[in-house]
Amino acid sequence: MTTVSRHTGATGATIWTRCICGSLQMRVPRGGVLEVCARSRPSGHPAATL
């Protein structure tokens, strides 16, 4: 994983990372662990259509 950006706010830190599969992930440090709170689709996997 590669860190894209870090942001510190009143409630703590938000870290945006890029996974080796190409997905963008929002991570939040909680209890000594970086918890993934949001994740995009891996690159090359288009969104479903209705």
Protein backbone atom coordinates (compact mmCIF):
# COMPACT_ATOMS: atom_id res chain seq x y z
CA MET A 1 0.00 0.00 0.00
CA THR A 2 1.13 3.54 -0.77
CA THR A 3 0.12 6.56 1.30
CA VAL A 4 -1.53 9.17 -0.92
CA SER A 5 -2.30 11.79 1.75
CA ARG A 6 -2.75 12.37 5.48
CA HIS A 7 -5.18 14.77 7.13
CA THR A 8 -5.51 15.64 10.80
CA GLY A 9 -8.79 16.94 12.16
CA ALA A 10 -10.53 17.54 15.48
CA THR A 11 -11.53 13.86 15.75
CA GLY A 12 -8.17 12.39 14.69
CA ALA A 13 -6.36 11.45 11.50
CA THR A 14 -7.56 10.30 8.08
CA ILE A 15 -5.10 8.51 5.81
CA TRP A 16 -5.78 7.91 2.10
CA THR A 17 -3.87 4.97 0.60
CA ARG A 18 -3.61 3.21 -2.78
CA CYS A 19 -3.64 -0.60 -2.62
CA ILE A 20 -1.53 -2.74 -4.96
CA CYS A 21 -4.81 -3.75 -6.71
CA GLY A 22 -5.41 -0.07 -7.54
CA SER A 23 -8.25 0.71 -5.13
CA LEU A 24 -8.22 3.96 -3.16
CA GLN A 25 -8.82 3.43 0.57
CA MET A 26 -9.65 5.77 3.44
CA ARG A 27 -8.06 4.53 6.68
CA VAL A 28 -8.53 5.78 10.24
CA PRO A 29 -6.18 4.84 13.09
CA ARG A 30 -8.16 3.09 15.87
CA GLY A 31 -6.60 1.24 18.78
CA GLY A 32 -3.21 0.83 17.12
CA VAL A 33 -4.73 -0.50 13.86
CA LEU A 34 -5.43 1.30 10.57
CA GLU A 35 -9.10 0.53 9.93
CA VAL A 36 -10.36 0.72 6.33
CA CYS A 37 -13.48 2.91 6.41
CA ALA A 38 -14.06 3.36 2.68
CA ARG A 39 -12.70 1.66 -0.44
CA SER A 40 -13.11 2.11 -4.18
CA ARG A 41 -13.24 -0.72 -6.68
CA PRO A 42 -9.94 -2.19 -7.85
CA SER A 43 -8.72 -0.71 -11.14
CA GLY A 44 -10.07 -2.55 -14.17
CA HIS A 45 -13.37 -3.46 -12.43
CA PRO A 46 -16.08 -1.07 -13.65
CA ALA A 47 -19.08 -0.18 -11.51
CA ALA A 48 -22.27 -2.17 -11.94
CA THR A 49 -24.93 -0.60 -14.15
CA LEU A 50 -28.65 -0.59 -13.53
